[in-house]
PDB file of N, CA and C in Angstrom:
ATOM      1  N   MET A   1     -41.452  44.134  43.457  1.00  0.00           N
ATOM      2  CA  MET A   1     -40.453  44.441  44.405  1.00  0.00           C
ATOM      3  C   MET A   1     -40.018  43.926  45.020  1.00  0.00           C
ATOM      4  N   SER A   2     -38.344  43.196  45.194  1.00  0.00           N
ATOM      5  CA  SER A   2     -38.149  42.441  46.755  1.00  0.00           C
ATOM      6  C   SER A   2     -38.231  43.441  47.704  1.00  0.00           C
ATOM      7  N   GLY A   3     -37.748  42.227  48.630  1.00  0.00           N
ATOM      8  CA  GLY A   3     -38.202  43.223  49.826  1.00  0.00           C
ATOM      9  C   GLY A   3     -36.993  44.468  50.404  1.00  0.00           C
ATOM     10  N   ILE A   4     -37.703  45.536  50.941  1.00  0.00           N
ATOM     11  CA  ILE A   4     -36.613  46.402  51.445  1.00  0.00           C
ATOM     12  C   ILE A   4     -37.025  46.717  52.966  1.00  0.00           C
ATOM     13  N   GLY A   5     -35.968  46.738  53.526  1.00  0.00           N
ATOM     14  CA  GLY A   5     -35.791  46.803  54.815  1.00  0.00           C
ATOM     15  C   GLY A   5     -35.005  48.049  55.576  1.00  0.00           C
ATOM     16  N   ALA A   6     -35.254  48.406  56.755  1.00  0.00           N
ATOM     17  CA  ALA A   6     -34.579  49.299  57.224  1.00  0.00           C
ATOM     18  C   ALA A   6     -33.437  48.927  58.255  1.00  0.00           C
ATOM     19  N   HIS A   7     -32.297  49.359  58.055  1.00  0.00           N
ATOM     20  CA  HIS A   7     -31.311  49.307  58.669  1.00  0.00           C
ATOM     21  C   HIS A   7     -30.474  50.179  59.703  1.00  0.00           C
ATOM     22  N   PHE A   8     -31.334  51.171  60.452  1.00  0.00           N
ATOM     23  CA  PHE A   8     -30.891  51.826  62.026  1.00  0.00           C
ATOM     24  C   PHE A   8     -31.138  51.658  62.699  1.00  0.00           C
ATOM     25  N   GLU A   9     -30.699  52.768  63.621  1.00  0.00           N
ATOM     26  CA  GLU A   9     -31.612  52.843  64.644  1.00  0.00           C
ATOM     27  C   GLU A   9     -33.020  53.153  64.585  1.00  0.00           C
ATOM     28  N   GLY A  10     -33.792  52.918  65.667  1.00  0.00           N
ATOM     29  CA  GLY A  10     -35.042  53.487  65.272  1.00  0.00           C
ATOM     30  C   GLY A  10     -36.394  52.928  65.881  1.00  0.00           C
ATOM     31  N   ASP A  11     -37.676  53.334  65.593  1.00  0.00           N
ATOM     32  CA  ASP A  11     -38.858  52.258  66.303  1.00  0.00           C
ATOM     33  C   ASP A  11     -39.294  51.795  65.060  1.00  0.00           C
ATOM     34  N   ILE A  12     -40.335  50.980  64.894  1.00  0.00           N
ATOM     35  CA  ILE A  12     -41.050  50.775  63.696  1.00  0.00           C
ATOM     36  C   ILE A  12     -41.516  51.541  62.816  1.00  0.00           C
ATOM     37  N   LYS A  13     -42.410  52.366  63.896  1.00  0.00           N
ATOM     38  CA  LYS A  13     -43.004  53.911  62.921  1.00  0.00           C
ATOM     39  C   LYS A  13     -41.740  54.034  61.748  1.00  0.00           C
ATOM     40  N   SER A  14     -40.865  54.099  62.075  1.00  0.00           N
ATOM     41  CA  SER A  14     -39.160  55.501  61.287  1.00  0.00           C
ATOM     42  C   SER A  14     -39.173  54.168  60.307  1.00  0.00           C
ATOM     43  N   HIS A  15     -38.818  52.665  61.298  1.00  0.00           N
ATOM     44  CA  HIS A  15     -38.637  51.633  59.922  1.00  0.00           C
ATOM     45  C   HIS A  15     -39.560  52.105  59.135  1.00  0.00           C
ATOM     46  N   THR A  16     -40.966  51.733  59.336  1.00  0.00           N
ATOM     47  CA  THR A  16     -42.137  51.422  58.420  1.00  0.00           C
ATOM     48  C   THR A  16     -41.904  52.573  57.152  1.00  0.00           C
ATOM     49  N   ALA A  17     -41.731  53.882  57.887  1.00  0.00           N
ATOM     50  CA  ALA A  17     -42.124  55.298  56.256  1.00  0.00           C
ATOM     51  C   ALA A  17     -40.895  54.882  55.800  1.00  0.00           C
ATOM     52  N   HIS A  18     -39.444  54.551  56.321  1.00  0.00           N
ATOM     53  CA  HIS A  18     -38.389  54.646  55.324  1.00  0.00           C
ATOM     54  C   HIS A  18     -38.446  53.447  54.719  1.00  0.00           C
ATOM     55  N   VAL A  19     -39.177  52.156  54.572  1.00  0.00           N
ATOM     56  CA  VAL A  19     -39.250  50.970  53.944  1.00  0.00           C
ATOM     57  C   VAL A  19     -40.476  51.493  52.668  1.00  0.00           C
ATOM     58  N   LEU A  20     -41.310  52.465  53.254  1.00  0.00           N
ATOM     59  CA  LEU A  20     -42.332  52.462  52.404  1.00  0.00           C
ATOM     60  C   LEU A  20     -42.076  53.983  51.524  1.00  0.00           C
ATOM     61  N   GLU A  21     -41.081  54.953  51.742  1.00  0.00           N
ATOM     62  CA  GLU A  21     -40.613  55.756  50.903  1.00  0.00           C
ATOM     63  C   GLU A  21     -39.512  55.472  50.077  1.00  0.00           C
ATOM     64  N   GLU A  22     -38.683  54.202  50.253  1.00  0.00           N
ATOM     65  CA  GLU A  22     -38.215  53.376  49.598  1.00  0.00           C
ATOM     66  C   GLU A  22     -39.062  52.623  48.622  1.00  0.00           C
ATOM     67  N   ILE A  23     -39.688  52.385  48.669  1.00  0.00           N
ATOM     68  CA  ILE A  23     -40.537  51.479  47.598  1.00  0.00           C
ATOM     69  C   ILE A  23     -41.523  52.288  46.733  1.00  0.00           C
ATOM     70  N   GLN A  24     -41.818  53.402  47.261  1.00  0.00           N
ATOM     71  CA  GLN A  24     -42.591  54.577  46.370  1.00  0.00           C
ATOM     72  C   GLN A  24     -41.274  55.131  45.648  1.00  0.00           C
ATOM     73  N   LYS A  25     -39.968  55.137  45.792  1.00  0.00           N
ATOM     74  CA  LYS A  25     -38.909  55.843  45.241  1.00  0.00           C
ATOM     75  C   LYS A  25     -38.747  54.972  43.980  1.00  0.00           C
ATOM     76  N   LYS A  26     -38.485  53.399  44.105  1.00  0.00           N
ATOM     77  CA  LYS A  26     -38.524  52.672  43.065  1.00  0.00           C
ATOM     78  C   LYS A  26     -39.624  52.266  42.454  1.00  0.00           C
ATOM     79  N   LEU A  27     -40.980  52.304  42.776  1.00  0.00           N
ATOM     80  CA  LEU A  27     -41.908  52.258  41.920  1.00  0.00           C
ATOM     81  C   LEU A  27     -42.279  53.577  41.167  1.00  0.00           C
ATOM     82  N   GLU A  28     -41.786  54.897  41.383  1.00  0.00           N
ATOM     83  CA  GLU A  28     -41.939  56.123  40.352  1.00  0.00           C
ATOM     84  C   GLU A  28     -41.031  55.943  39.382  1.00  0.00           C
ATOM     85  N   ALA A  29     -39.929  55.455  39.872  1.00  0.00           N
ATOM     86  CA  ALA A  29     -38.453  55.555  38.624  1.00  0.00           C
ATOM     87  C   ALA A  29     -38.675  54.491  37.858  1.00  0.00           C
ATOM     88  N   ASN A  30     -39.849  53.451  37.882  1.00  0.00           N
ATOM     89  CA  ASN A  30     -40.391  52.373  37.190  1.00  0.00           C
ATOM     90  C   ASN A  30     -41.546  52.482  36.152  1.00  0.00           C
ATOM     91  N   GLY A  31     -41.685  53.941  36.308  1.00  0.00           N
ATOM     92  CA  GLY A  31     -43.096  53.617  36.113  1.00  0.00           C
ATOM     93  C   GLY A  31     -44.524  53.417  37.017  1.00  0.00           C
ATOM     94  N   SER A  32     -44.553  53.578  37.795  1.00  0.00           N
ATOM     95  CA  SER A  32     -45.763  52.775  38.681  1.00  0.00           C
ATOM     96  C   SER A  32     -45.908  53.770  40.076  1.00  0.00           C
ATOM     97  N   SER A  33     -46.428  53.088  40.610  1.00  0.00           N
ATOM     98  CA  SER A  33     -47.141  54.085  41.707  1.00  0.00           C
ATOM     99  C   SER A  33     -47.542  53.571  43.218  1.00  0.00           C
ATOM    100  N   MET A  34     -47.475  54.084  44.015  1.00  0.00           N
ATOM    101  CA  MET A  34     -48.199  53.478  45.107  1.00  0.00           C
ATOM    102  C   MET A  34     -49.593  52.966  45.016  1.00  0.00           C
ATOM    103  N   GLU A  35     -50.279  53.449  44.178  1.00  0.00           N
ATOM    104  CA  GLU A  35     -51.841  53.394  44.100  1.00  0.00           C
ATOM    105  C   GLU A  35     -51.864  51.986  42.917  1.00  0.00           C
ATOM    106  N   LYS A  36     -51.083  51.806  42.360  1.00  0.00           N
ATOM    107  CA  LYS A  36     -50.790  50.633  41.316  1.00  0.00           C
ATOM    108  C   LYS A  36     -49.890  49.352  42.493  1.00  0.00           C
ATOM    109  N   VAL A  37     -50.288  49.481  43.718  1.00  0.00           N
ATOM    110  CA  VAL A  37     -49.422  48.299  44.037  1.00  0.00           C
ATOM    111  C   VAL A  37     -51.105  47.263  44.426  1.00  0.00           C
ATOM    112  N   LEU A  38     -50.835  46.129  43.648  1.00  0.00           N
ATOM    113  CA  LEU A  38     -52.193  44.995  43.770  1.00  0.00           C
ATOM    114  C   LEU A  38     -51.561  44.156  45.083  1.00  0.00           C
ATOM    115  N   LYS A  39     -50.272  43.920  45.468  1.00  0.00           N
ATOM    116  CA  LYS A  39     -50.426  42.982  46.882  1.00  0.00           C
ATOM    117  C   LYS A  39     -48.992  43.472  47.576  1.00  0.00           C
ATOM    118  N   VAL A  40     -49.052  43.647  48.846  1.00  0.00           N
ATOM    119  CA  VAL A  40     -48.138  43.739  49.953  1.00  0.00           C
ATOM    120  C   VAL A  40     -47.730  42.748  50.640  1.00  0.00           C
ATOM    121  N   ASN A  41     -46.321  42.228  50.777  1.00  0.00           N
ATOM    122  CA  ASN A  41     -46.256  40.967  52.246  1.00  0.00           C
ATOM    123  C   ASN A  41     -45.214  41.848  53.465  1.00  0.00           C
ATOM    124  N   VAL A  42     -45.818  41.882  54.250  1.00  0.00           N
ATOM    125  CA  VAL A  42     -44.929  42.706  55.425  1.00  0.00           C
ATOM    126  C   VAL A  42     -44.525  41.525  56.332  1.00  0.00           C
ATOM    127  N   TYR A  43     -43.114  41.691  56.995  1.00  0.00           N
ATOM    128  CA  TYR A  43     -42.518  40.903  57.163  1.00  0.00           C
ATOM    129  C   TYR A  43     -41.935  41.889  58.789  1.00  0.00           C
ATOM    130  N   LEU A  44     -42.370  41.302  60.015  1.00  0.00           N
ATOM    131  CA  LEU A  44     -42.281  42.195  60.984  1.00  0.00           C
ATOM    132  C   LEU A  44     -41.320  41.025  61.863  1.00  0.00           C
ATOM    133  N   ASN A  45     -40.077  41.443  62.620  1.00  0.00           N
ATOM    134  CA  ASN A  45     -39.060  41.311  63.583  1.00  0.00           C
ATOM    135  C   ASN A  45     -39.838  40.907  64.930  1.00  0.00           C
ATOM    136  N   ASP A  46     -41.223  41.606  64.892  1.00  0.00           N
ATOM    137  CA  ASP A  46     -41.901  41.316  66.437  1.00  0.00           C
ATOM    138  C   ASP A  46     -43.294  41.811  66.337  1.00  0.00           C
ATOM    139  N   LEU A  47     -44.333  40.892  66.248  1.00  0.00           N
ATOM    140  CA  LEU A  47     -45.510  41.030  65.793  1.00  0.00           C
ATOM    141  C   LEU A  47     -46.333  41.984  67.174  1.00  0.00           C
ATOM    142  N   LYS A  48     -45.396  42.408  67.758  1.00  0.00           N
ATOM    143  CA  LYS A  48     -45.770  43.181  68.851  1.00  0.00           C
ATOM    144  C   LYS A  48     -45.782  44.942  68.184  1.00  0.00           C
ATOM    145  N   ASP A  49     -45.413  44.673  66.964  1.00  0.00           N
ATOM    146  CA  ASP A  49     -45.001  46.165  66.274  1.00  0.00           C
ATOM    147  C   ASP A  49     -46.084  46.441  65.130  1.00  0.00           C
ATOM    148  N   TYR A  50     -47.177  45.637  64.984  1.00  0.00           N
ATOM    149  CA  TYR A  50     -47.999  45.557  63.991  1.00  0.00           C
ATOM    150  C   TYR A  50     -48.846  46.667  64.351  1.00  0.00           C
ATOM    151  N   ALA A  51     -49.180  47.068  65.619  1.00  0.00           N
ATOM    152  CA  ALA A  51     -49.887  48.696  65.369  1.00  0.00           C
ATOM    153  C   ALA A  51     -49.331  49.470  65.020  1.00  0.00           C
ATOM    154  N   GLY A  52     -48.376  49.781  65.309  1.00  0.00           N
ATOM    155  CA  GLY A  52     -47.169  51.272  64.737  1.00  0.00           C
ATOM    156  C   GLY A  52     -46.626  51.122  63.138  1.00  0.00           C
ATOM    157  N   MET A  53     -46.578  49.707  62.906  1.00  0.00           N
ATOM    158  CA  MET A  53     -46.517  49.758  61.094  1.00  0.00           C
ATOM    159  C   MET A  53     -47.878  50.145  60.950  1.00  0.00           C
ATOM    160  N   ASN A  54     -48.910  49.527  61.238  1.00  0.00           N
ATOM    161  CA  ASN A  54     -50.232  49.675  60.591  1.00  0.00           C
ATOM    162  C   ASN A  54     -51.022  50.956  60.342  1.00  0.00           C
ATOM    163  N   GLU A  55     -50.376  52.135  61.449  1.00  0.00           N
ATOM    164  CA  GLU A  55     -50.641  53.136  61.425  1.00  0.00           C
ATOM    165  C   GLU A  55     -50.064  53.888  60.359  1.00  0.00           C
ATOM    166  N   VAL A  56     -48.782  53.398  60.100  1.00  0.00           N
ATOM    167  CA  VAL A  56     -47.352  54.651  58.919  1.00  0.00           C
ATOM    168  C   VAL A  56     -48.331  54.102  58.006  1.00  0.00           C
ATOM    169  N   PHE A  57     -48.286  52.109  57.486  1.00  0.00           N
ATOM    170  CA  PHE A  57     -48.779  51.862  56.340  1.00  0.00           C
ATOM    171  C   PHE A  57     -50.309  52.611  55.760  1.00  0.00           C
ATOM    172  N   LEU A  58     -50.807  52.378  56.789  1.00  0.00           N
ATOM    173  CA  LEU A  58     -52.387  53.725  56.013  1.00  0.00           C
ATOM    174  C   LEU A  58     -52.325  54.802  55.717  1.00  0.00           C
ATOM    175  N   GLY A  59     -51.618  55.395  56.713  1.00  0.00           N
ATOM    176  CA  GLY A  59     -51.234  56.645  56.268  1.00  0.00           C
ATOM    177  C   GLY A  59     -50.305  56.830  54.667  1.00  0.00           C
ATOM    178  N   LYS A  60     -49.604  55.731  54.312  1.00  0.00           N
ATOM    179  CA  LYS A  60     -49.048  56.048  53.363  1.00  0.00           C
ATOM    180  C   LYS A  60     -50.155  55.469  52.084  1.00  0.00           C
ATOM    181  N   PHE A  61     -51.152  53.976  52.236  1.00  0.00           N
ATOM    182  CA  PHE A  61     -51.636  53.639  51.475  1.00  0.00           C
ATOM    183  C   PHE A  61     -53.249  54.137  51.307  1.00  0.00           C
ATOM    184  N   GLY A  62     -53.799  54.632  52.368  1.00  0.00           N
ATOM    185  CA  GLY A  62     -55.107  54.917  52.613  1.00  0.00           C
ATOM    186  C   GLY A  62     -55.612  54.142  53.282  1.00  0.00           C
ATOM    187  N   ALA A  63     -57.047  54.241  53.485  1.00  0.00           N
ATOM    188  CA  ALA A  63     -58.268  53.390  54.448  1.00  0.00           C
ATOM    189  C   ALA A  63     -58.302  52.098  53.677  1.00  0.00           C
ATOM    190  N   ASP A  64     -58.127  52.320  52.559  1.00  0.00           N
ATOM    191  CA  ASP A  64     -58.614  51.117  51.143  1.00  0.00           C
ATOM    192  C   ASP A  64     -57.371  50.533  50.553  1.00  0.00           C
ATOM    193  N   PRO A  65     -56.345  49.904  50.832  1.00  0.00           N
ATOM    194  CA  PRO A  65     -54.808  49.688  50.484  1.00  0.00           C
ATOM    195  C   PRO A  65     -55.346  48.285  49.804  1.00  0.00           C
ATOM    196  N   GLY A  66     -54.788  48.038  49.027  1.00  0.00           N
ATOM    197  CA  GLY A  66     -54.382  46.659  48.271  1.00  0.00           C
ATOM    198  C   GLY A  66     -54.044  45.633  49.074  1.00  0.00           C
ATOM    199  N   VAL A  67     -54.145  44.482  48.715  1.00  0.00           N
ATOM    200  CA  VAL A  67     -54.419  42.736  49.551  1.00  0.00           C
ATOM    201  C   VAL A  67     -52.895  42.965  50.867  1.00  0.00           C
ATOM    202  N   ARG A  68     -53.049  42.911  51.726  1.00  0.00           N
ATOM    203  CA  ARG A  68     -51.729  42.659  52.175  1.00  0.00           C
ATOM    204  C   ARG A  68     -51.806  41.372  53.174  1.00  0.00           C
ATOM    205  N   THR A  69     -50.565  40.776  53.248  1.00  0.00           N
ATOM    206  CA  THR A  69     -50.266  39.704  54.026  1.00  0.00           C
ATOM    207  C   THR A  69     -48.958  40.299  55.312  1.00  0.00           C
ATOM    208  N   THR A  70     -49.443  40.308  56.539  1.00  0.00           N
ATOM    209  CA  THR A  70     -48.280  40.283  57.322  1.00  0.00           C
ATOM    210  C   THR A  70     -48.210  39.125  58.538  1.00  0.00           C
ATOM    211  N   ILE A  71     -47.047  38.904  58.616  1.00  0.00           N
ATOM    212  CA  ILE A  71     -46.475  38.193  59.243  1.00  0.00           C
ATOM    213  C   ILE A  71     -44.904  38.272  60.045  1.00  0.00           C
ATOM    214  N   ALA A  72     -45.195  37.541  61.557  1.00  0.00           N
ATOM    215  CA  ALA A  72     -43.815  37.903  62.202  1.00  0.00           C
ATOM    216  C   ALA A  72     -42.869  37.085  61.783  1.00  0.00           C
ATOM    217  N   ALA A  73     -41.587  37.230  61.351  1.00  0.00           N
ATOM    218  CA  ALA A  73     -40.575  36.074  60.453  1.00  0.00           C
ATOM    219  C   ALA A  73     -39.894  35.502  61.628  1.00  0.00           C
ATOM    220  N   ALA A  74     -40.346  34.384  61.252  1.00  0.00           N
ATOM    221  CA  ALA A  74     -39.732  33.183  62.734  1.00  0.00           C
ATOM    222  C   ALA A  74     -37.896  33.802  62.492  1.00  0.00           C
ATOM    223  N   GLY A  75     -37.456  33.941  63.833  1.00  0.00           N
ATOM    224  CA  GLY A  75     -36.187  34.113  63.889  1.00  0.00           C
ATOM    225  C   GLY A  75     -35.213  35.660  63.543  1.00  0.00           C
ATOM    226  N   GLY A  76     -36.563  36.313  63.044  1.00  0.00           N
ATOM    227  CA  GLY A  76     -36.340  38.015  63.092  1.00  0.00           C
ATOM    228  C   GLY A  76     -35.833  38.447  61.640  1.00  0.00           C
ATOM    229  N   ILE A  77     -35.703  39.713  61.120  1.00  0.00           N
ATOM    230  CA  ILE A  77     -35.040  40.260  60.189  1.00  0.00           C
ATOM    231  C   ILE A  77     -33.555  40.178  59.846  1.00  0.00           C
ATOM    232  N   PRO A  78     -33.479  39.804  59.121  1.00  0.00           N
ATOM    233  CA  PRO A  78     -31.524  40.008  58.955  1.00  0.00           C
ATOM    234  C   PRO A  78     -31.522  41.100  58.889  1.00  0.00           C
ATOM    235  N   GLY A  79     -30.237  41.462  59.587  1.00  0.00           N
ATOM    236  CA  GLY A  79     -29.740  43.218  59.212  1.00  0.00           C
ATOM    237  C   GLY A  79     -30.496  44.067  60.440  1.00  0.00           C
ATOM    238  N   ASN A  80     -30.666  43.850  61.459  1.00  0.00           N
ATOM    239  CA  ASN A  80     -31.355  44.494  62.450  1.00  0.00           C
ATOM    240  C   ASN A  80     -32.730  45.295  61.759  1.00  0.00           C
ATOM    241  N   SER A  81     -33.292  45.064  60.798  1.00  0.00           N
ATOM    242  CA  SER A  81     -34.097  45.763  60.704  1.00  0.00           C
ATOM    243  C   SER A  81     -35.727  45.066  60.843  1.00  0.00           C
ATOM    244  N   LEU A  82     -36.196  46.388  61.636  1.00  0.00           N
ATOM    245  CA  LEU A  82     -37.337  46.202  62.189  1.00  0.00           C
ATOM    246  C   LEU A  82     -38.677  45.639  61.590  1.00  0.00           C
ATOM    247  N   VAL A  83     -38.686  45.647  59.820  1.00  0.00           N
ATOM    248  CA  VAL A  83     -40.078  45.374  58.941  1.00  0.00           C
ATOM    249  C   VAL A  83     -39.158  45.245  57.938  1.00  0.00           C
ATOM    250  N   GLU A  84     -39.357  44.436  56.726  1.00  0.00           N
ATOM    251  CA  GLU A  84     -39.225  44.225  55.435  1.00  0.00           C
ATOM    252  C   GLU A  84     -40.653  44.492  54.713  1.00  0.00           C
ATOM    253  N   ILE A  85     -40.472  44.852  53.324  1.00  0.00           N
ATOM    254  CA  ILE A  85     -41.557  44.781  52.739  1.00  0.00           C
ATOM    255  C   ILE A  85     -41.589  44.473  51.632  1.00  0.00           C
ATOM    256  N   ASP A  86     -42.201  43.834  50.924  1.00  0.00           N
ATOM    257  CA  ASP A  86     -42.259  44.009  49.239  1.00  0.00           C
ATOM    258  C   ASP A  86     -43.578  43.636  48.638  1.00  0.00           C
ATOM    259  N   CYS A  87     -43.494  44.029  47.371  1.00  0.00           N
ATOM    260  CA  CYS A  87     -45.032  44.473  46.954  1.00  0.00           C
ATOM    261  C   CYS A  87     -44.884  43.918  45.124  1.00  0.00           C
ATOM    262  N   ILE A  88     -46.251  43.814  45.080  1.00  0.00           N
ATOM    263  CA  ILE A  88     -46.330  43.843  43.374  1.00  0.00           C
ATOM    264  C   ILE A  88     -47.276  44.804  42.794  1.00  0.00           C
ATOM    265  N   ALA A  89     -46.804  45.447  42.154  1.00  0.00           N
ATOM    266  CA  ALA A  89     -47.451  46.411  41.819  1.00  0.00           C
ATOM    267  C   ALA A  89     -47.458  46.275  39.437  1.00  0.00           C
ATOM    268  N   TYR A  90     -48.688  47.080  39.280  1.00  0.00           N
ATOM    269  CA  TYR A  90     -48.773  47.381  37.852  1.00  0.00           C
ATOM    270  C   TYR A  90     -47.789  48.638  36.939  1.00  0.00           C
ATOM    271  N   ILE A  91     -47.846  48.679  36.162  1.00  0.00           N
ATOM    272  CA  ILE A  91     -46.986  49.746  35.557  1.00  0.00           C
ATOM    273  C   ILE A  91     -48.142  50.627  34.356  1.00  0.00           C
TER     274      ILE A  91
END
């Protein structure tokens, strides 16, 4: 699934929750689920937001999520989003 960002005023937790909810909807619409996610890439606007993003992320995926790479994107995330997430899941 291609990257999804949140383009509204808010903090990292609200942006992360929104993005993960959108990912969940798209996965379920295509016969998959969050439990079937194999790999996630998280692009943060600022690495200082890692703890807040991680709290929401683990709340959605649980204590044993799939493989994840998290980076702070050089130059920030386009469109004023604090986080962009893409993933690979099986059906």
